[in-house]
Protein backbone atom coordinates (compact mmCIF):
# COMPACT_ATOMS: atom_id res chain seq x y z
CA MET A 1 -7.91 -27.89 -16.15
CA LYS A 2 -11.16 -29.56 -15.16
CA SER A 3 -9.46 -31.69 -12.50
CA GLN A 4 -7.78 -28.60 -11.04
CA LEU A 5 -11.13 -26.85 -10.72
CA ILE A 6 -12.63 -29.91 -9.02
CA ILE A 7 -9.76 -29.97 -6.51
CA PHE A 8 -10.20 -26.23 -5.92
CA GLY A 9 -13.93 -26.76 -5.32
CA ILE A 10 -13.17 -29.48 -2.81
CA LEU A 11 -10.71 -27.19 -1.00
CA ILE A 12 -13.31 -24.40 -0.85
CA ALA A 13 -15.98 -26.83 0.40
CA GLY A 14 -13.55 -28.08 3.06
CA PHE A 15 -12.90 -24.52 4.20
CA ILE A 16 -16.61 -23.79 4.49
CA VAL A 17 -17.33 -27.06 6.31
CA TYR A 18 -14.49 -26.43 8.76
CA ASN A 19 -15.74 -22.95 9.57
CA LEU A 20 -19.33 -24.09 10.00
CA PHE A 21 -18.89 -27.33 11.95
CA PHE A 22 -15.33 -28.02 13.13
CA GLN A 23 -14.09 -24.75 14.57
CA ILE A 24 -11.74 -24.96 17.50
CA LYS A 25 -12.93 -23.12 20.60
CA ASP A 26 -9.61 -21.30 21.09
CA ASP A 27 -9.85 -18.16 18.95
CA ARG A 28 -6.11 -17.84 18.47
CA THR A 29 -5.66 -21.39 17.19
CA ASN A 30 -8.75 -21.11 15.01
CA THR A 31 -7.37 -17.94 13.43
CA VAL A 32 -4.02 -19.62 12.73
CA ILE A 33 -5.76 -22.58 11.07
CA ASN A 34 -7.92 -20.24 8.96
CA ILE A 35 -4.87 -18.25 7.85
CA MET A 36 -2.98 -21.43 6.91
CA TYR A 37 -5.95 -22.85 4.99
CA THR A 38 -6.44 -19.55 3.16
CA SER A 39 -2.74 -19.48 2.28
CA ILE A 40 -3.08 -22.95 0.76
CA LEU A 41 -6.09 -21.77 -1.25
CA PHE A 42 -4.21 -18.75 -2.62
CA ALA A 43 -1.19 -20.91 -3.42
CA TYR A 44 -3.42 -23.28 -5.36
CA ILE A 45 -4.96 -20.35 -7.26
CA SER A 46 -1.44 -19.26 -8.16
CA PHE A 47 -0.59 -22.76 -9.33
CA MET A 48 -3.71 -22.88 -11.51
CA ALA A 49 -2.89 -19.50 -13.05
CA TYR A 50 0.71 -20.55 -13.71
CA SER A 51 -0.34 -23.80 -15.36
CA LEU A 52 -2.95 -21.96 -17.47
CA LEU A 53 -0.37 -19.43 -18.65
CA LYS A 54 2.04 -22.26 -19.41
CA LYS A 55 -0.63 -23.99 -21.55
CA MET A 56 -1.47 -20.76 -23.37
CA ARG A 57 2.18 -20.23 -24.20
CA LYS A 58 2.41 -23.51 -26.13
């Protein structure tokens, strides 16, 4: 579980760094990239919850 939290922290840090320094000037494209990145973050949260529930079941 520790490695999953480290990966999640790296994903969050990447999201923050992108929004602070590497934003694309086109608002529409920037919004699409933010939505895709956020979707990946929520999918990873779901994966972590699923794996935690699987471990608790055993």
